[in-house]
């Protein structure tokens, strides 16, 4: 009889799992804990959310985006002019690495650090709403662009060509 009691209890739990929405039985507890932590964080630091949503912060981020686009256009123009100069010298068959001035590389790293910090602050301020909130598509695009930028900086020191990644960042 004890074995039958265990079987019916086990059978009842399987029936309960089938009747509940997908994943609720297995992941419900951890999801509930995540929501509690997220809500606790949002109530602990409402000043971070108000800072991230403030007009000065949004204007600063927008200005950084425009300045970064100008820098990328100027650096691309300088690299094309250097490539044309090398071609006009009469050595088109000689492959030559076209180097950027160091200030451009340092500026790109500074912008990348700023955009990374901006994303981290927005994730901390909005919690899970960063990924599922009203601007989730823009947030995902921002994360993708910053990730491409980080990969670009990491691979810049190696022999891997990253010109396609730079085009994606410009778009």
C-alpha atoms as a PDB file:
ATOM      1  CA  UNK A   1       0.000   0.000   0.000  1.00  0.00           C
ATOM      2  CA  UNK A   2       2.898   2.338   0.640  1.00  0.00           C
ATOM      3  CA  UNK A   3       4.171   1.651  -2.882  1.00  0.00           C
ATOM      4  CA  UNK A   4       0.745   2.381  -4.338  1.00  0.00           C
ATOM      5  CA  UNK A   5       0.632   5.667  -2.448  1.00  0.00           C
ATOM      6  CA  UNK A   6       3.981   6.685  -3.978  1.00  0.00           C
ATOM      7  CA  UNK A   7       2.801   5.710  -7.449  1.00  0.00           C
ATOM      8  CA  UNK A   8      -0.391   7.719  -7.199  1.00  0.00           C
ATOM      9  CA  UNK A   9       1.529  10.701  -5.819  1.00  0.00           C
ATOM     10  CA  UNK A  10       4.022  10.435  -8.671  1.00  0.00           C
ATOM     11  CA  UNK A  11       1.243  10.019 -11.213  1.00  0.00           C
ATOM     12  CA  UNK A  12      -0.575  13.048  -9.790  1.00  0.00           C
ATOM     13  CA  UNK A  13       2.553  15.185 -10.113  1.00  0.00           C
ATOM     14  CA  UNK A  14       2.966  14.141 -13.768  1.00  0.00           C
ATOM     15  CA  UNK A  15      -0.670  15.007 -14.460  1.00  0.00           C
ATOM     16  CA  UNK A  16      -0.147  18.370 -12.761  1.00  0.00           C
ATOM     17  CA  UNK A  17       2.929  19.034 -14.905  1.00  0.00           C
ATOM     18  CA  UNK A  18       0.960  18.293 -18.081  1.00  0.00           C
ATOM     19  CA  UNK A  19      -1.872  20.604 -17.087  1.00  0.00           C
ATOM     20  CA  UNK A  20       0.355  23.584 -16.241  1.00  0.00           C
ATOM     21  CA  UNK A  21       1.743  25.888 -18.927  1.00  0.00           C
ATOM     22  CA  UNK A  22       5.065  24.875 -20.469  1.00  0.00           C
ATOM     23  CA  UNK A  23       8.013  25.188 -18.140  1.00  0.00           C
ATOM     24  CA  UNK A  24       6.028  26.331 -15.111  1.00  0.00           C
ATOM     25  CA  UNK A  25       6.617  23.170 -13.085  1.00  0.00           C
ATOM     26  CA  UNK A  26      10.344  23.005 -13.766  1.00  0.00           C
ATOM     27  CA  UNK A  27      11.419  26.604 -14.018  1.00  0.00           C
ATOM     28  CA  UNK A  28       8.725  28.395 -12.075  1.00  0.00           C
ATOM     29  CA  UNK A  29      10.704  28.553  -8.838  1.00  0.00           C
ATOM     30  CA  UNK A  30      13.849  29.971 -10.414  1.00  0.00           C
ATOM     31  CA  UNK A  31      11.823  32.426 -12.511  1.00  0.00           C
ATOM     32  CA  UNK A  32       9.986  33.538  -9.391  1.00  0.00           C
ATOM     33  CA  UNK A  33      13.303  34.113  -7.615  1.00  0.00           C
ATOM     34  CA  UNK A  34      14.605  36.101 -10.595  1.00  0.00           C
ATOM     35  CA  UNK A  35      11.498  38.316 -10.565  1.00  0.00           C
ATOM     36  CA  UNK A  36      11.909  38.893  -6.821  1.00  0.00           C
ATOM     37  CA  UNK A  37      15.551  39.907  -7.269  1.00  0.00           C
ATOM     38  CA  UNK A  38      14.646  42.114 -10.232  1.00  0.00           C
ATOM     39  CA  UNK A  39      11.831  43.835  -8.328  1.00  0.00           C
ATOM     40  CA  UNK A  40      14.036  44.254  -5.267  1.00  0.00           C
ATOM     41  CA  UNK A  41      16.773  45.828  -7.411  1.00  0.00           C
ATOM     42  CA  UNK A  42      14.304  48.223  -9.042  1.00  0.00           C
ATOM     43  CA  UNK A  43      12.982  49.343  -5.665  1.00  0.00           C
ATOM     44  CA  UNK A  44      16.485  49.617  -4.216  1.00  0.00           C
ATOM     45  CA  UNK A  45      17.820  51.903  -6.922  1.00  0.00           C
ATOM     46  CA  UNK A  46      15.108  54.001  -8.562  1.00  0.00           C
ATOM     47  CA  UNK A  47      17.639  56.800  -8.909  1.00  0.00           C
ATOM     48  CA  UNK A  48      19.559  54.778 -11.518  1.00  0.00           C
ATOM     49  CA  UNK A  49      16.456  54.383 -13.663  1.00  0.00           C
ATOM     50  CA  UNK A  50      15.645  58.090 -13.396  1.00  0.00           C
ATOM     51  CA  UNK A  51      19.281  58.919 -14.276  1.00  0.00           C
ATOM     52  CA  UNK A  52      19.289  56.653 -17.346  1.00  0.00           C
ATOM     53  CA  UNK A  53      15.936  58.038 -18.506  1.00  0.00           C
ATOM     54  CA  UNK A  54      16.872  61.666 -17.853  1.00  0.00           C
ATOM     55  CA  UNK A  55      17.139  64.123 -20.729  1.00  0.00           C
ATOM     56  CA  UNK A  56      20.840  64.981 -20.119  1.00  0.00           C
ATOM     57  CA  UNK A  57      21.839  61.300 -20.241  1.00  0.00           C
ATOM     58  CA  UNK A  58      19.798  60.664 -23.395  1.00  0.00           C
ATOM     59  CA  UNK A  59      21.264  63.797 -25.033  1.00  0.00           C
ATOM     60  CA  UNK A  60      24.795  62.752 -24.058  1.00  0.00           C
ATOM     61  CA  UNK A  61      24.273  59.288 -25.547  1.00  0.00           C
ATOM     62  CA  UNK A  62      22.785  60.791 -28.723  1.00  0.00           C
ATOM     63  CA  UNK A  63      25.677  63.212 -29.057  1.00  0.00           C
ATOM     64  CA  UNK A  64      28.144  60.355 -28.597  1.00  0.00           C
ATOM     65  CA  UNK A  65      26.406  58.415 -31.382  1.00  0.00           C
ATOM     66  CA  UNK A  66      26.655  61.372 -33.769  1.00  0.00           C
ATOM     67  CA  UNK A  67      30.299  62.058 -32.877  1.00  0.00           C
ATOM     68  CA  UNK A  68      31.154  58.378 -33.307  1.00  0.00           C
ATOM     69  CA  UNK A  69      29.518  58.359 -36.758  1.00  0.00           C
ATOM     70  CA  UNK A  70      31.539  61.452 -37.732  1.00  0.00           C
ATOM     71  CA  UNK A  71      34.728  59.814 -36.472  1.00  0.00           C
ATOM     72  CA  UNK A  72      34.002  56.623 -38.410  1.00  0.00           C
ATOM     73  CA  UNK A  73      33.306  58.601 -41.597  1.00  0.00           C
ATOM     74  CA  UNK A  74      36.501  60.647 -41.191  1.00  0.00           C
ATOM     75  CA  UNK A  75      38.637  57.586 -40.484  1.00  0.00           C
ATOM     76  CA  UNK A  76      37.160  55.758 -43.481  1.00  0.00           C
ATOM     77  CA  UNK A  77      37.859  58.776 -45.673  1.00  0.00           C
ATOM     78  CA  UNK A  78      41.457  58.951 -44.430  1.00  0.00           C
ATOM     79  CA  UNK A  79      41.994  55.231 -45.086  1.00  0.00           C
ATOM     80  CA  UNK A  80      40.587  55.465 -48.639  1.00  0.00           C
ATOM     81  CA  UNK A  81      42.779  58.490 -49.391  1.00  0.00           C
ATOM     82  CA  UNK A  82      45.831  56.628 -48.089  1.00  0.00           C
ATOM     83  CA  UNK A  83      44.971  53.587 -50.215  1.00  0.00           C
ATOM     84  CA  UNK A  84      44.579  55.792 -53.305  1.00  0.00           C
ATOM     85  CA  UNK A  85      47.881  57.519 -52.557  1.00  0.00           C
ATOM     86  CA  UNK A  86      49.651  54.140 -52.345  1.00  0.00           C
ATOM     87  CA  UNK A  87      48.002  53.099 -55.602  1.00  0.00           C
ATOM     88  CA  UNK A  88      49.015  56.329 -57.361  1.00  0.00           C
ATOM     89  CA  UNK A  89      52.638  55.811 -56.337  1.00  0.00           C
ATOM     90  CA  UNK A  90      52.782  52.976 -58.822  1.00  0.00           C
ATOM     91  CA  UNK A  91      52.969  49.975 -56.523  1.00  0.00           C
ATOM     92  CA  UNK A  92      49.406  48.635 -56.819  1.00  0.00           C
ATOM     93  CA  UNK A  93      50.562  45.004 -56.770  1.00  0.00           C
ATOM     94  CA  UNK A  94      52.411  45.385 -53.486  1.00  0.00           C
ATOM     95  CA  UNK A  95      50.077  44.577 -50.598  1.00  0.00           C
ATOM     96  CA  UNK A  96      50.542  47.103 -47.870  1.00  0.00           C
ATOM     97  CA  UNK A  97      48.840  47.464 -44.548  1.00  0.00           C
ATOM     98  CA  UNK A  98      47.187  50.850 -44.331  1.00  0.00           C
ATOM     99  CA  UNK A  99      47.499  52.101 -40.806  1.00  0.00           C
ATOM    100  CA  UNK A 100      45.234  54.507 -38.999  1.00  0.00           C
ATOM    101  CA  UNK A 101      46.559  57.283 -36.807  1.00  0.00           C
ATOM    102  CA  UNK A 102      46.714  56.214 -33.182  1.00  0.00           C
ATOM    103  CA  UNK A 103      44.308  58.941 -32.060  1.00  0.00           C
ATOM    104  CA  UNK A 104      41.549  57.353 -34.157  1.00  0.00           C
ATOM    105  CA  UNK A 105      42.104  53.962 -32.542  1.00  0.00           C
ATOM    106  CA  UNK A 106      42.084  55.512 -29.062  1.00  0.00           C
ATOM    107  CA  UNK A 107      38.926  57.477 -29.885  1.00  0.00           C
ATOM    108  CA  UNK A 108      37.178  54.318 -31.077  1.00  0.00           C
ATOM    109  CA  UNK A 109      38.114  52.563 -27.836  1.00  0.00           C
ATOM    110  CA  UNK A 110      36.846  55.531 -25.802  1.00  0.00           C
ATOM    111  CA  UNK A 111      33.503  55.498 -27.630  1.00  0.00           C
ATOM    112  CA  UNK A 112      33.271  51.742 -27.191  1.00  0.00           C
ATOM    113  CA  UNK A 113      33.869  52.083 -23.439  1.00  0.00           C
ATOM    114  CA  UNK A 114      31.197  54.787 -23.209  1.00  0.00           C
ATOM    115  CA  UNK A 115      28.634  52.726 -25.141  1.00  0.00           C
ATOM    116  CA  UNK A 116      29.454  49.631 -23.070  1.00  0.00           C
ATOM    117  CA  UNK A 117      28.957  51.611 -19.869  1.00  0.00           C
ATOM    118  CA  UNK A 118      25.687  53.005 -21.211  1.00  0.00           C
ATOM    119  CA  UNK A 119      24.365  49.508 -21.925  1.00  0.00           C
ATOM    120  CA  UNK A 120      25.425  48.198 -18.522  1.00  0.00           C
ATOM    121  CA  UNK A 121      23.703  51.125 -16.804  1.00  0.00           C
ATOM    122  CA  UNK A 122      20.540  50.606 -18.825  1.00  0.00           C
ATOM    123  CA  UNK A 123      20.505  46.877 -18.066  1.00  0.00           C
ATOM    124  CA  UNK A 124      20.969  47.573 -14.357  1.00  0.00           C
ATOM    125  CA  UNK A 125      18.318  50.282 -14.392  1.00  0.00           C
ATOM    126  CA  UNK A 126      15.677  48.408 -16.355  1.00  0.00           C
ATOM    127  CA  UNK A 127      16.415  44.826 -15.300  1.00  0.00           C
ATOM    128  CA  UNK A 128      14.489  42.273 -17.319  1.00  0.00           C
ATOM    129  CA  UNK A 129      12.460  45.060 -18.971  1.00  0.00           C
ATOM    130  CA  UNK A 130      15.613  45.887 -20.945  1.00  0.00           C
ATOM    131  CA  UNK A 131      15.063  42.695 -22.961  1.00  0.00           C
ATOM    132  CA  UNK A 132      11.260  42.574 -23.098  1.00  0.00           C
ATOM    133  CA  UNK A 133      10.186  46.188 -22.626  1.00  0.00           C
ATOM    134  CA  UNK A 134       8.851  48.599 -25.227  1.00  0.00           C
ATOM    135  CA  UNK A 135      12.306  49.324 -26.714  1.00  0.00           C
ATOM    136  CA  UNK A 136      13.648  45.767 -26.652  1.00  0.00           C
ATOM    137  CA  UNK A 137      14.481  45.803 -30.378  1.00  0.00           C
ATOM    138  CA  UNK A 138      16.654  48.914 -30.080  1.00  0.00           C
ATOM    139  CA  UNK A 139      18.308  47.499 -26.968  1.00  0.00           C
ATOM    140  CA  UNK A 140      19.162  44.254 -28.737  1.00  0.00           C
ATOM    141  CA  UNK A 141      20.584  46.200 -31.668  1.00  0.00           C
ATOM    142  CA  UNK A 142      22.698  48.301 -29.280  1.00  0.00           C
ATOM    143  CA  UNK A 143      24.037  45.185 -27.594  1.00  0.00           C
ATOM    144  CA  UNK A 144      24.832  43.631 -30.981  1.00  0.00           C
ATOM    145  CA  UNK A 145      26.655  46.758 -32.177  1.00  0.00           C
ATOM    146  CA  UNK A 146      28.709  47.050 -28.993  1.00  0.00           C
ATOM    147  CA  UNK A 147      29.548  43.343 -29.188  1.00  0.00           C
ATOM    148  CA  UNK A 148      30.705  43.767 -32.796  1.00  0.00           C
ATOM    149  CA  UNK A 149      32.784  46.760 -31.674  1.00  0.00           C
ATOM    150  CA  UNK A 150      34.416  44.743 -28.894  1.00  0.00           C
ATOM    151  CA  UNK A 151      35.201  41.929 -31.334  1.00  0.00           C
ATOM    152  CA  UNK A 152      36.585  44.512 -33.775  1.00  0.00           C
ATOM    153  CA  UNK A 153      38.925  45.943 -31.133  1.00  0.00           C
ATOM    154  CA  UNK A 154      40.040  42.494 -30.013  1.00  0.00           C
ATOM    155  CA  UNK A 155      40.703  41.329 -33.569  1.00  0.00           C
ATOM    156  CA  UNK A 156      42.356  44.594 -34.658  1.00  0.00           C
ATOM    157  CA  UNK A 157      45.675  43.438 -33.243  1.00  0.00           C
ATOM    158  CA  UNK A 158      45.525  40.136 -35.097  1.00  0.00           C
ATOM    159  CA  UNK A 159      45.783  39.401 -38.806  1.00  0.00           C
ATOM    160  CA  UNK A 160      42.040  38.868 -39.181  1.00  0.00           C
ATOM    161  CA  UNK A 161      40.267  41.254 -41.570  1.00  0.00           C
ATOM    162  CA  UNK A 162      37.389  43.013 -39.843  1.00  0.00           C
ATOM    163  CA  UNK A 163      36.248  45.419 -42.551  1.00  0.00           C
ATOM    164  CA  UNK A 164      32.815  43.757 -42.752  1.00  0.00           C
ATOM    165  CA  UNK A 165      32.303  44.225 -39.019  1.00  0.00           C
ATOM    166  CA  UNK A 166      33.132  47.913 -39.420  1.00  0.00           C
ATOM    167  CA  UNK A 167      30.526  48.241 -42.149  1.00  0.00           C
ATOM    168  CA  UNK A 168      27.922  46.704 -39.852  1.00  0.00           C
ATOM    169  CA  UNK A 169      28.794  49.197 -37.115  1.00  0.00           C
ATOM    170  CA  UNK A 170      28.450  52.082 -39.554  1.00  0.00           C
ATOM    171  CA  UNK A 171      24.975  50.940 -40.550  1.00  0.00           C
END
